[in-house]
Amino acid sequence: MWQTCRMSGPDALDIPPPEPVADEIPGSEVLDDTVSDTEGPRYINLATQPLPPPLERPPANPIWRIITWILIGGVGLLLAIIWITGGAFHTFTLSTGDALIELGRLTGLIAAAMLLFQVVLMARVPVFEHGLGHQWIVNSHKKTGFWLFWLVIAHVVFLVIGYSATGLVNPFRTFWEFIVEFPGGLLATAAFIALIAVVVLSIRRVRKKLRYENWHLLHLYGYLAAGLALPHQIWAGASFYGRRWAELTWWTLWGVALLAVILFRIVRPIARSFAHDLRVQSAVPDGTRGVLITISGKNLAGLHAEPGQFFIWRFLSGYGWTQGHPFSLAIAPEGDTMTIAVAIVGGGTERLLNLKPGTRVIAEGPFGELTGALRTRPGLIGIAAGAGIAPVFAILEGEQWSPGEAVLITRDDDADRSLMTDQIAEMVETRGLNWIRMDGAPPPGFTSWLPASCQYSGTQFLARAAEMPLPDYDVYLCGPPPWMEKVEKDLLAAGEEKHLIHSESFAM
C-alpha cells in the first residue's frame, strides 16, 4: 500500500516514502502490514489465482463512422436545398427588413434541424452509437441543446424586427401577433417554454438540486418541445409552406425520427430483456448506503457487454418501475449473471434495497466506451469516487495485469458508504492490487478532489503515489463530473498524457 499524506516543501517528492503506519496517514488506510520491501510499487500478498483470459475484441470498424457522417451530411444537404430553392438569396437583396426576415427563417430552419438531430441521436440508434460513440453523442447533446436555445431566440428576434421594419409597426405588437395569429403560433410558444424548462434544468447548479429520477422525467419535455414545434414549422415556415415535396420530406424525416425512438428506446430493450429472461437473482446490502444487485438470464454473452459499460435499468417491482437508472457493471460479466453496484441516493434507488429474487428487469444497452479496449499500456491506474468505483473495479477485474501493475484510488466522503470494499480487498489479496483509500469530507469550497485531511495538493499526491512515470500507465477515471475535472487537471500537471486518461459521463 502506498503512503500518501505526509508531504511538505518543494523537495518532498524526492524523499523516500516512510514505512506504512496507518495512524500517520490521514485519509488513507493500510489493509495489511505484509508489504514488500522491494523497490518500486508496493503491493500486498502476491497473486495466488491465475489471471483471467483476455477479452476477444473485434477490431474497430471505420465503416460505421463513414455511414453515420454520410447520413448526417445527406440530411444537412437536403435541408440546404430546401432553403435555397425557396428563394432565400433573392429575398436577401430586397430590403433590410426582408433580409432580417430571411435570417430569421434560416436560424429557424437550422434550429429545427438541430432539434431533429437531438431526437435521432438520443434514440440510441446502433449505427450512430457505433459510428460516433456514446460519449460523443452525450457531449454533443448537451452543447447542441444550448445552441438550439440561442438559435430559437435569434429566430424570434430576427423575425420580429424584420416584420416590424417592413410593416412599420411596433415590435411588441408584431410579437403578440406571432403568438395569436400566425399558424401554429400558440403551439410554437408552448414548445419554446418547454425548451426553456429543459435548458434551465440542464444547468449544473440546478440539476444538482434535483433527484436523478425527477430530472430525467422533466428532461423529457424536450420531446414535448419537438412535437409542439413541428406543426408551426410546416404551417408557417416559408421554406415548406405550399411546397408539397418539401413538406413531405420534412414529415418523413420526423416520422423516421419518431420510429427510431419507439423502436430503439422502447421495443428493442423490452424484446431483448424478455428474450434473455433478465431477472433479479439477489439484492445484497453493500456498506451503509449501497446494494449489490445480481441479474441472471439466458445467453447473456449475446448482449456483448464489457466491463466498464453500463445499462439503463428498469426493475418491474411496482411503483417507480418506469424510471430508468444508468448503473454500470460492477463485476466483469461471467456466465449468465451480471452484477451492478447501486449507491442509494434517493427514493428512486431506495426501493432497490427491497428487490425480490425473480423480479423482471428491462435493460437498455450496453452503452459506453470506458472499457479495457482503450488500454495501451501494461500498467493500470483507476481513480474513482462514489458509484464510479463500480465500472473501474469491473475493468480492473476483466483486464490482465501482474501484481503491482494496477492501482486503485477510491474516494468517498464517508468510508461507511463506500461500495464494494470486500470485493476490492479480495482483489488486493488474490491479485496484488495496490489500493489507496482517500476517505473524508472534502475541503471547504471543494478546492481539491482529495479529502480535507490531506496536507498537500492533488498533483503532489499523484506524483508521490505513483512513484513511477505516469505515461507508463493508462488511467481510468470515473465519478461526479466536477470531481473528475479536478482529477484530470492534476493528472496532466503530474505528467500524465491526455490520451492515456479515459473517462466517461453516464448522463443520458
Protein backbone atom coordinates (compact mmCIF):
# COMPACT_ATOMS: atom_id res chain seq x y z
CA MET A 1 0.00 0.00 0.00
CA TRP A 2 1.45 3.35 -0.99
CA GLN A 3 1.93 6.08 1.55
CA THR A 4 0.41 9.37 0.59
CA CYS A 5 -0.40 12.05 3.12
CA ARG A 6 2.69 13.37 4.92
CA MET A 7 4.32 15.76 2.48
CA SER A 8 5.59 19.29 2.67
CA GLY A 9 8.11 21.53 0.92
CA PRO A 10 9.24 21.54 -2.71
CA ASP A 11 11.73 18.71 -2.20
CA ALA A 12 9.30 16.37 -0.50
CA LEU A 13 8.83 14.30 -3.65
CA ASP A 14 12.49 13.26 -3.60
CA ILE A 15 12.30 11.79 -0.10
CA PRO A 16 11.73 8.01 0.03
CA PRO A 17 8.27 7.19 1.36
CA PRO A 18 8.04 6.21 5.04
CA GLU A 19 7.16 2.79 6.33
CA PRO A 20 3.42 2.06 6.38
CA VAL A 21 1.93 3.25 9.64
CA ALA A 22 -1.82 3.65 9.38
CA ASP A 23 -2.27 6.30 12.06
CA GLU A 24 0.30 8.59 10.39
CA ILE A 25 -1.54 8.65 7.09
CA PRO A 26 -4.69 10.74 7.32
CA GLY A 27 -7.10 9.98 4.53
CA SER A 28 -5.81 6.52 3.60
CA GLU A 29 -5.98 3.04 5.02
CA VAL A 30 -3.49 0.17 5.22
CA LEU A 31 -5.26 -3.13 4.74
CA ASP A 32 -2.36 -5.40 5.67
CA ASP A 33 1.12 -4.98 7.07
CA THR A 34 2.64 -7.57 4.74
CA VAL A 35 4.30 -5.04 2.46
CA SER A 36 7.09 -5.81 0.03
CA ASP A 37 10.47 -4.22 0.76
CA THR A 38 11.46 -4.23 -2.90
CA GLU A 39 11.98 -1.09 -4.94
CA GLY A 40 9.11 0.36 -6.91
CA PRO A 41 5.41 -0.11 -6.35
CA ARG A 42 4.39 -1.84 -3.12
CA TYR A 43 1.73 -4.49 -3.13
CA ILE A 44 0.05 -6.75 -0.64
CA ASN A 45 0.07 -10.55 -0.94
CA LEU A 46 1.14 -11.58 -4.44
CA ALA A 47 -1.40 -13.18 -6.72
CA THR A 48 -2.50 -16.69 -5.85
CA GLN A 49 -5.01 -17.15 -8.64
CA PRO A 50 -4.49 -17.28 -12.41
CA LEU A 51 -5.17 -14.16 -14.43
CA PRO A 52 -8.42 -14.07 -16.45
CA PRO A 53 -8.16 -14.73 -20.18
CA PRO A 54 -8.00 -11.63 -22.37
CA LEU A 55 -11.26 -10.37 -23.85
CA GLU A 56 -11.71 -11.05 -27.56
CA ARG A 57 -12.47 -7.69 -29.12
CA PRO A 58 -13.15 -7.20 -32.81
CA PRO A 59 -11.02 -4.51 -34.46
CA ALA A 60 -12.59 -1.08 -34.78
CA ASN A 61 -14.62 -0.82 -37.99
CA PRO A 62 -14.49 2.70 -39.50
CA ILE A 63 -17.39 1.89 -41.84
CA TRP A 64 -19.87 2.79 -39.07
CA ARG A 65 -18.39 6.28 -38.73
CA ILE A 66 -18.44 6.76 -42.51
CA ILE A 67 -22.09 5.70 -42.76
CA THR A 68 -23.00 7.98 -39.84
CA TRP A 69 -21.49 11.08 -41.38
CA ILE A 70 -22.96 10.27 -44.80
CA LEU A 71 -26.43 10.14 -43.21
CA ILE A 72 -25.93 13.36 -41.24
CA GLY A 73 -24.36 15.15 -44.22
CA GLY A 74 -27.14 13.94 -46.51
CA VAL A 75 -29.87 15.37 -44.27
CA GLY A 76 -27.98 18.66 -43.95
CA LEU A 77 -27.59 18.90 -47.73
CA LEU A 78 -31.28 18.17 -48.24
CA LEU A 79 -32.29 20.97 -45.86
CA ALA A 80 -29.88 23.36 -47.57
CA ILE A 81 -31.55 22.58 -50.92
CA ILE A 82 -34.98 23.23 -49.39
CA TRP A 83 -33.83 26.63 -48.10
CA ILE A 84 -32.04 27.72 -51.28
CA THR A 85 -34.83 26.66 -53.66
CA GLY A 86 -37.27 28.63 -51.52
CA GLY A 87 -35.87 31.88 -52.91
CA ALA A 88 -33.58 32.66 -49.99
CA PHE A 89 -30.92 34.59 -51.90
CA HIS A 90 -33.48 36.67 -53.80
CA THR A 91 -35.12 37.76 -50.54
CA PHE A 92 -31.78 38.93 -49.13
CA THR A 93 -31.48 41.55 -51.89
CA LEU A 94 -34.86 43.24 -51.41
CA SER A 95 -34.52 45.36 -48.25
CA THR A 96 -33.05 45.34 -44.77
CA GLY A 97 -36.35 44.18 -43.30
CA ASP A 98 -36.64 41.34 -45.79
CA ALA A 99 -33.03 40.32 -45.15
CA LEU A 100 -33.73 40.14 -41.41
CA ILE A 101 -36.83 38.05 -42.07
CA GLU A 102 -34.77 35.63 -44.16
CA LEU A 103 -32.16 35.44 -41.40
CA GLY A 104 -35.00 34.58 -39.05
CA ARG A 105 -36.16 31.82 -41.36
CA LEU A 106 -32.63 30.49 -41.72
CA THR A 107 -31.96 30.40 -37.98
CA GLY A 108 -35.35 28.73 -37.51
CA LEU A 109 -34.53 26.08 -40.11
CA ILE A 110 -31.15 25.41 -38.53
CA ALA A 111 -32.77 25.18 -35.09
CA ALA A 112 -35.37 22.75 -36.46
CA ALA A 113 -32.61 20.61 -37.97
CA MET A 114 -30.68 20.61 -34.69
CA LEU A 115 -33.84 19.59 -32.82
CA LEU A 116 -34.30 16.72 -35.27
CA PHE A 117 -30.71 15.59 -34.74
CA GLN A 118 -31.15 15.86 -30.96
CA VAL A 119 -34.05 13.42 -31.08
CA VAL A 120 -32.39 10.99 -33.51
CA LEU A 121 -29.01 10.87 -31.78
CA MET A 122 -30.58 10.24 -28.36
CA ALA A 123 -32.77 7.48 -29.80
CA ARG A 124 -29.81 5.11 -29.29
CA VAL A 125 -29.76 4.05 -32.95
CA PRO A 126 -26.96 1.42 -33.21
CA VAL A 127 -25.41 2.95 -36.35
CA PHE A 128 -24.90 6.25 -34.53
CA GLU A 129 -23.75 4.61 -31.29
CA HIS A 130 -21.11 2.65 -33.24
CA GLY A 131 -20.18 5.50 -35.57
CA LEU A 132 -19.95 8.40 -33.12
CA GLY A 133 -19.60 6.76 -29.73
CA HIS A 134 -21.90 7.22 -26.76
CA GLN A 135 -19.70 9.81 -25.05
CA TRP A 136 -19.50 11.97 -28.19
CA ILE A 137 -23.29 11.80 -28.52
CA VAL A 138 -23.86 12.77 -24.88
CA ASN A 139 -21.42 15.69 -25.05
CA SER A 140 -22.92 16.89 -28.33
CA HIS A 141 -26.42 16.59 -26.89
CA LYS A 142 -25.51 18.97 -24.06
CA LYS A 143 -23.79 21.54 -26.27
CA THR A 144 -26.40 21.37 -29.03
CA GLY A 145 -29.19 21.98 -26.53
CA PHE A 146 -27.76 25.35 -25.54
CA TRP A 147 -27.00 26.34 -29.15
CA LEU A 148 -30.55 25.34 -30.07
CA PHE A 149 -31.90 27.66 -27.37
CA TRP A 150 -29.97 30.68 -28.67
CA LEU A 151 -30.87 29.91 -32.29
CA VAL A 152 -34.56 29.93 -31.36
CA ILE A 153 -34.03 33.30 -29.63
CA ALA A 154 -32.30 34.63 -32.77
CA HIS A 155 -35.11 33.19 -34.92
CA VAL A 156 -37.76 35.13 -32.98
CA VAL A 157 -35.74 38.38 -32.73
CA PHE A 158 -34.88 38.50 -36.46
CA LEU A 159 -38.47 37.81 -37.49
CA VAL A 160 -39.98 40.35 -35.09
CA ILE A 161 -37.57 43.12 -36.10
CA GLY A 162 -37.81 42.24 -39.79
CA TYR A 163 -41.62 42.19 -39.96
CA SER A 164 -41.80 45.33 -37.80
CA ALA A 165 -39.46 47.12 -40.21
CA THR A 166 -41.34 46.09 -43.35
CA GLY A 167 -44.78 46.81 -41.87
CA LEU A 168 -43.74 49.88 -39.86
CA VAL A 169 -45.43 48.57 -36.71
CA ASN A 170 -44.43 48.31 -33.06
CA PRO A 171 -42.20 45.21 -32.41
CA PHE A 172 -44.25 44.27 -29.34
CA ARG A 173 -47.41 44.25 -31.44
CA THR A 174 -45.65 42.09 -34.03
CA PHE A 175 -44.51 39.68 -31.33
CA TRP A 176 -48.05 39.36 -29.98
CA GLU A 177 -49.43 38.77 -33.49
CA PHE A 178 -46.92 35.96 -33.95
CA ILE A 179 -48.32 34.23 -30.89
CA VAL A 180 -52.05 34.61 -31.50
CA GLU A 181 -52.42 34.98 -35.29
CA PHE A 182 -49.64 33.04 -37.02
CA PRO A 183 -50.47 29.39 -37.87
CA GLY A 184 -49.18 27.23 -35.03
CA GLY A 185 -48.08 30.29 -33.04
CA LEU A 186 -49.52 29.10 -29.74
CA LEU A 187 -48.01 25.65 -30.23
CA ALA A 188 -44.62 27.21 -31.03
CA THR A 189 -44.86 29.35 -27.87
CA ALA A 190 -45.60 26.25 -25.77
CA ALA A 191 -42.66 24.47 -27.44
CA PHE A 192 -40.39 27.38 -26.56
CA ILE A 193 -41.49 27.28 -22.91
CA ALA A 194 -40.77 23.54 -22.81
CA LEU A 195 -37.36 24.19 -24.35
CA ILE A 196 -36.59 26.83 -21.72
CA ALA A 197 -37.51 24.33 -18.99
CA VAL A 198 -35.12 21.72 -20.42
CA VAL A 199 -32.26 24.22 -20.74
CA VAL A 200 -32.73 25.54 -17.19
CA LEU A 201 -32.86 22.02 -15.77
CA SER A 202 -29.63 21.18 -17.62
CA ILE A 203 -27.66 23.91 -15.86
CA ARG A 204 -25.32 22.12 -13.47
CA ARG A 205 -26.28 24.06 -10.34
CA VAL A 206 -29.98 23.44 -10.95
CA ARG A 207 -29.54 19.78 -11.85
CA LYS A 208 -27.54 19.08 -8.68
CA LYS A 209 -30.57 20.07 -6.57
CA LEU A 210 -32.86 17.54 -8.25
CA ARG A 211 -33.01 13.80 -7.76
CA TYR A 212 -31.95 11.97 -10.90
CA GLU A 213 -35.35 10.39 -11.49
CA ASN A 214 -37.09 13.80 -11.23
CA TRP A 215 -34.58 15.48 -13.52
CA HIS A 216 -34.87 12.68 -16.08
CA LEU A 217 -38.67 12.91 -16.11
CA LEU A 218 -38.63 16.69 -16.55
CA HIS A 219 -35.92 16.42 -19.20
CA LEU A 220 -38.39 14.52 -21.37
CA TYR A 221 -40.04 17.89 -22.02
CA GLY A 222 -37.54 18.06 -24.86
CA TYR A 223 -39.66 15.56 -26.77
CA LEU A 224 -42.72 17.68 -25.99
CA ALA A 225 -40.95 20.73 -27.44
CA ALA A 226 -40.15 18.81 -30.62
CA GLY A 227 -43.74 17.64 -31.05
CA LEU A 228 -45.26 21.07 -30.44
CA ALA A 229 -42.84 22.85 -32.76
CA LEU A 230 -43.39 20.59 -35.77
CA PRO A 231 -46.82 21.95 -36.91
CA HIS A 232 -45.52 25.53 -36.70
CA GLN A 233 -42.58 24.61 -38.94
CA ILE A 234 -44.88 23.22 -41.63
CA TRP A 235 -47.77 25.70 -41.40
CA ALA A 236 -45.75 28.93 -41.11
CA GLY A 237 -42.28 28.07 -42.40
CA ALA A 238 -41.68 29.79 -45.73
CA SER A 239 -39.28 27.00 -46.74
CA PHE A 240 -42.11 24.44 -46.51
CA TYR A 241 -45.42 26.31 -46.92
CA GLY A 242 -47.12 25.46 -50.22
CA ARG A 243 -44.23 23.23 -51.37
CA ARG A 244 -45.55 19.69 -51.24
CA TRP A 245 -42.24 17.93 -51.80
CA ALA A 246 -40.54 19.96 -49.02
CA GLU A 247 -43.44 19.31 -46.62
CA LEU A 248 -43.39 15.59 -47.44
CA THR A 249 -39.62 15.46 -46.93
CA TRP A 250 -39.84 17.16 -43.53
CA TRP A 251 -42.73 14.99 -42.32
CA THR A 252 -40.82 11.90 -43.49
CA LEU A 253 -37.67 12.87 -41.59
CA TRP A 254 -39.64 13.41 -38.40
CA GLY A 255 -41.55 10.18 -38.97
CA VAL A 256 -38.24 8.30 -39.19
CA ALA A 257 -37.04 10.04 -36.00
CA LEU A 258 -40.24 9.06 -34.13
CA LEU A 259 -39.97 5.49 -35.40
CA ALA A 260 -36.33 5.34 -34.19
CA VAL A 261 -37.34 6.49 -30.69
CA ILE A 262 -40.13 3.90 -30.47
CA LEU A 263 -38.03 1.09 -31.91
CA PHE A 264 -34.72 1.62 -30.11
CA ARG A 265 -35.86 3.22 -26.83
CA ILE A 266 -38.95 1.07 -26.20
CA VAL A 267 -39.42 -2.01 -28.40
CA ARG A 268 -35.82 -3.22 -28.65
CA PRO A 269 -34.96 -3.06 -24.91
CA ILE A 270 -38.19 -4.84 -23.95
CA ALA A 271 -37.77 -7.52 -26.62
CA ARG A 272 -34.12 -8.22 -25.73
CA SER A 273 -34.77 -8.26 -22.00
CA PHE A 274 -37.58 -10.79 -22.33
CA ALA A 275 -35.60 -12.86 -24.85
CA HIS A 276 -32.70 -13.09 -22.36
CA ASP A 277 -35.17 -13.53 -19.48
CA LEU A 278 -33.46 -10.95 -17.29
CA ARG A 279 -34.43 -11.29 -13.64
CA VAL A 280 -33.10 -10.26 -10.25
CA GLN A 281 -31.13 -13.10 -8.71
CA SER A 282 -30.19 -11.31 -5.49
CA ALA A 283 -30.00 -7.84 -3.92
CA VAL A 284 -27.44 -7.66 -1.11
CA PRO A 285 -26.68 -4.55 1.00
CA ASP A 286 -23.24 -3.09 0.32
CA GLY A 287 -21.96 -0.74 3.02
CA THR A 288 -24.46 1.50 4.76
CA ARG A 289 -25.93 3.12 1.62
CA GLY A 290 -25.42 0.69 -1.24
CA VAL A 291 -26.73 -2.51 -2.73
CA LEU A 292 -25.18 -5.14 -5.00
CA ILE A 293 -27.76 -6.47 -7.46
CA THR A 294 -27.06 -9.65 -9.41
CA ILE A 295 -29.12 -10.17 -12.57
CA SER A 296 -29.43 -13.60 -14.13
CA GLY A 297 -30.59 -14.54 -17.61
CA LYS A 298 -30.12 -16.71 -20.66
CA ASN A 299 -27.24 -16.36 -23.11
CA LEU A 300 -26.07 -13.06 -21.63
CA ALA A 301 -23.00 -13.22 -23.86
CA GLY A 302 -25.40 -12.21 -26.63
CA LEU A 303 -25.69 -8.76 -25.03
CA HIS A 304 -21.98 -8.18 -25.84
CA ALA A 305 -21.41 -6.26 -22.60
CA GLU A 306 -17.87 -5.46 -21.47
CA PRO A 307 -16.56 -4.48 -18.03
CA GLY A 308 -16.94 -0.73 -17.58
CA GLN A 309 -20.06 -0.39 -19.71
CA PHE A 310 -23.47 0.47 -18.33
CA PHE A 311 -27.14 -0.20 -18.98
CA ILE A 312 -30.29 1.79 -18.30
CA TRP A 313 -32.10 -0.48 -15.82
CA ARG A 314 -35.79 -0.72 -15.03
CA PHE A 315 -36.92 -3.13 -12.32
CA LEU A 316 -40.56 -4.22 -12.71
CA SER A 317 -41.30 -4.24 -9.00
CA GLY A 318 -44.25 -1.91 -8.62
CA TYR A 319 -44.31 1.87 -8.24
CA GLY A 320 -41.36 3.58 -9.94
CA TRP A 321 -40.66 0.81 -12.46
CA THR A 322 -40.83 3.27 -15.38
CA GLN A 323 -37.82 5.21 -14.08
CA GLY A 324 -34.61 4.19 -15.84
CA HIS A 325 -31.30 4.40 -14.00
CA PRO A 326 -27.80 4.25 -15.55
CA PHE A 327 -25.89 1.68 -13.48
CA SER A 328 -22.51 0.26 -14.51
CA LEU A 329 -21.49 -3.35 -14.43
CA ALA A 330 -19.65 -3.73 -11.14
CA ILE A 331 -18.15 -7.14 -11.88
CA ALA A 332 -16.96 -8.45 -15.21
CA PRO A 333 -19.84 -10.41 -16.82
CA GLU A 334 -19.49 -14.10 -16.07
CA GLY A 335 -21.64 -16.90 -17.40
CA ASP A 336 -25.30 -15.98 -17.20
CA THR A 337 -25.08 -13.35 -14.47
CA MET A 338 -24.32 -9.63 -14.34
CA THR A 339 -23.78 -7.57 -11.19
CA ILE A 340 -24.32 -3.86 -10.64
CA ALA A 341 -23.45 -1.71 -7.61
CA VAL A 342 -26.04 0.93 -6.70
CA ALA A 343 -25.48 3.89 -4.38
CA ILE A 344 -28.71 4.73 -2.53
CA VAL A 345 -29.21 8.46 -3.13
CA GLY A 346 -32.99 8.94 -3.15
CA GLY A 347 -36.42 7.40 -3.28
CA GLY A 348 -35.87 6.04 -6.79
CA THR A 349 -32.95 3.92 -5.61
CA GLU A 350 -34.17 3.30 -2.04
CA ARG A 351 -36.73 0.79 -3.30
CA LEU A 352 -33.96 -1.32 -4.85
CA LEU A 353 -32.97 -2.46 -1.37
CA ASN A 354 -36.18 -4.48 -1.28
CA LEU A 355 -35.97 -6.16 -4.68
CA LYS A 356 -37.19 -9.75 -4.61
CA PRO A 357 -35.48 -12.61 -6.47
CA GLY A 358 -37.29 -13.31 -9.71
CA THR A 359 -38.25 -9.65 -10.37
CA ARG A 360 -38.20 -8.99 -14.11
CA VAL A 361 -35.65 -6.49 -15.41
CA ILE A 362 -35.62 -4.39 -18.58
CA ALA A 363 -32.10 -3.37 -19.58
CA GLU A 364 -31.32 -0.84 -22.29
CA GLY A 365 -27.76 -1.09 -23.54
CA PRO A 366 -24.90 -1.71 -23.17
CA PHE A 367 -23.53 1.80 -23.60
CA GLY A 368 -20.18 3.49 -23.17
CA GLU A 369 -16.61 3.23 -24.35
CA LEU A 370 -14.97 3.14 -20.91
CA THR A 371 -13.62 -0.40 -21.33
CA GLY A 372 -10.33 -2.22 -21.45
CA ALA A 373 -10.34 -1.76 -25.23
CA LEU A 374 -8.89 1.74 -24.62
CA ARG A 375 -5.86 0.32 -22.85
CA THR A 376 -2.45 0.85 -24.48
CA ARG A 377 -0.01 0.44 -21.55
CA PRO A 378 0.81 -2.52 -19.28
CA GLY A 379 0.00 -0.58 -16.11
CA LEU A 380 -3.45 0.47 -14.93
CA ILE A 381 -4.44 3.24 -12.53
CA GLY A 382 -8.08 3.50 -11.54
CA ILE A 383 -9.31 6.65 -9.79
CA ALA A 384 -12.94 6.51 -8.73
CA ALA A 385 -15.41 8.20 -6.40
CA GLY A 386 -18.81 7.04 -5.16
CA ALA A 387 -20.72 4.97 -7.69
CA GLY A 388 -17.82 5.40 -10.13
CA ILE A 389 -15.97 2.70 -8.20
CA ALA A 390 -18.13 0.03 -9.85
CA PRO A 391 -17.07 0.40 -13.52
CA VAL A 392 -13.41 0.98 -12.63
CA PHE A 393 -13.35 -2.16 -10.48
CA ALA A 394 -15.01 -4.16 -13.28
CA ILE A 395 -12.32 -3.02 -15.73
CA LEU A 396 -9.55 -4.00 -13.32
CA GLU A 397 -11.17 -7.38 -12.81
CA GLY A 398 -11.56 -8.06 -16.51
CA GLU A 399 -8.06 -6.99 -17.59
CA GLN A 400 -4.74 -8.79 -17.38
CA TRP A 401 -2.02 -7.29 -15.20
CA SER A 402 0.74 -8.58 -12.98
CA PRO A 403 0.96 -7.97 -9.20
CA GLY A 404 1.90 -4.34 -8.55
CA GLU A 405 0.95 -3.17 -12.06
CA ALA A 406 -2.54 -2.00 -11.08
CA VAL A 407 -3.55 0.79 -8.73
CA LEU A 408 -7.00 1.70 -7.43
CA ILE A 409 -7.54 5.05 -5.69
CA THR A 410 -11.02 5.35 -4.21
CA ARG A 411 -12.62 8.48 -2.82
CA ASP A 412 -15.68 8.78 -0.58
CA ASP A 413 -16.81 11.44 1.85
CA ASP A 414 -17.81 8.71 4.31
CA ALA A 415 -15.89 5.42 4.47
CA ASP A 416 -19.00 3.56 5.63
CA ARG A 417 -20.78 4.48 2.38
CA SER A 418 -18.03 3.10 0.14
CA LEU A 419 -19.12 0.50 -2.39
CA MET A 420 -17.52 -2.91 -2.99
CA THR A 421 -14.89 -2.74 -0.25
CA ASP A 422 -14.99 -6.51 0.28
CA GLN A 423 -14.51 -7.21 -3.42
CA ILE A 424 -11.62 -4.74 -3.67
CA ALA A 425 -9.94 -6.21 -0.57
CA GLU A 426 -10.21 -9.66 -2.14
CA MET A 427 -8.51 -8.38 -5.30
CA VAL A 428 -5.73 -6.96 -3.13
CA GLU A 429 -5.23 -10.40 -1.59
CA THR A 430 -5.53 -12.53 -4.69
CA ARG A 431 -4.08 -10.42 -7.50
CA GLY A 432 -1.75 -7.94 -5.86
CA LEU A 433 -3.78 -4.78 -6.42
CA ASN A 434 -2.47 -1.58 -4.85
CA TRP A 435 -5.45 0.08 -3.15
CA ILE A 436 -5.37 3.58 -1.70
CA ARG A 437 -8.46 4.79 0.13
CA MET A 438 -8.93 8.54 0.34
CA ASP A 439 -11.99 8.91 2.57
CA GLY A 440 -13.16 12.02 4.35
CA ALA A 441 -15.06 15.24 3.90
CA PRO A 442 -13.99 17.49 1.00
CA PRO A 443 -12.16 20.75 1.71
CA PRO A 444 -14.25 23.93 2.08
CA GLY A 445 -15.25 25.25 -1.31
CA PHE A 446 -14.32 21.95 -2.98
CA THR A 447 -10.86 23.25 -3.84
CA SER A 448 -9.42 19.76 -4.28
CA TRP A 449 -10.64 16.30 -5.22
CA LEU A 450 -8.82 14.97 -2.15
CA PRO A 451 -10.29 14.99 1.38
CA ALA A 452 -9.68 17.99 3.63
CA SER A 453 -7.44 15.80 5.84
CA CYS A 454 -4.76 15.63 3.16
CA GLN A 455 -1.96 18.15 3.62
CA TYR A 456 -0.87 18.62 0.02
CA SER A 457 -2.21 19.19 -3.48
CA GLY A 458 -3.65 16.62 -5.84
CA THR A 459 -0.64 16.98 -8.13
CA GLN A 460 1.76 16.20 -5.27
CA PHE A 461 -0.37 13.25 -4.27
CA LEU A 462 -0.31 11.74 -7.76
CA ALA A 463 3.43 12.33 -8.19
CA ARG A 464 4.22 10.64 -4.86
CA ALA A 465 1.57 7.93 -5.06
CA ALA A 466 2.69 6.62 -8.42
CA GLU A 467 6.47 6.76 -7.85
CA MET A 468 6.77 5.81 -11.50
CA PRO A 469 6.49 7.50 -14.89
CA LEU A 470 2.76 8.15 -15.22
CA PRO A 471 2.79 7.78 -19.04
CA ASP A 472 3.55 4.07 -18.48
CA TYR A 473 0.01 3.69 -17.16
CA ASP A 474 -3.49 4.04 -18.55
CA VAL A 475 -5.73 5.93 -16.14
CA TYR A 476 -9.41 5.06 -15.83
CA LEU A 477 -11.36 7.84 -14.17
CA CYS A 478 -14.98 7.76 -13.02
CA GLY A 479 -17.03 9.83 -10.58
CA PRO A 480 -19.04 13.07 -10.43
CA PRO A 481 -18.16 15.30 -13.44
CA PRO A 482 -16.83 18.30 -11.40
CA TRP A 483 -14.68 15.92 -9.36
CA MET A 484 -13.34 14.22 -12.50
CA GLU A 485 -12.39 17.59 -13.97
CA LYS A 486 -10.20 18.34 -10.95
CA VAL A 487 -8.58 14.90 -11.07
CA GLU A 488 -7.80 15.19 -14.78
CA LYS A 489 -6.29 18.64 -14.30
CA ASP A 490 -3.96 17.29 -11.59
CA LEU A 491 -3.09 14.21 -13.66
CA LEU A 492 -1.97 16.41 -16.56
CA ALA A 493 0.03 18.62 -14.18
CA ALA A 494 1.67 15.50 -12.73
CA GLY A 495 2.89 14.42 -16.17
CA GLU A 496 0.23 12.05 -17.48
CA GLU A 497 -0.55 12.23 -21.20
CA LYS A 498 -4.10 13.28 -22.03
CA HIS A 499 -4.74 10.41 -24.43
CA LEU A 500 -3.98 7.96 -21.62
CA ILE A 501 -6.73 9.39 -19.36
CA HIS A 502 -10.01 7.57 -20.03
CA SER A 503 -13.22 8.92 -18.51
CA GLU A 504 -16.87 8.90 -19.35
CA SER A 505 -20.07 10.59 -18.23
CA PHE A 506 -23.15 8.44 -17.69
CA ALA A 507 -25.54 11.32 -18.38
CA MET A 508 -28.37 10.40 -20.72
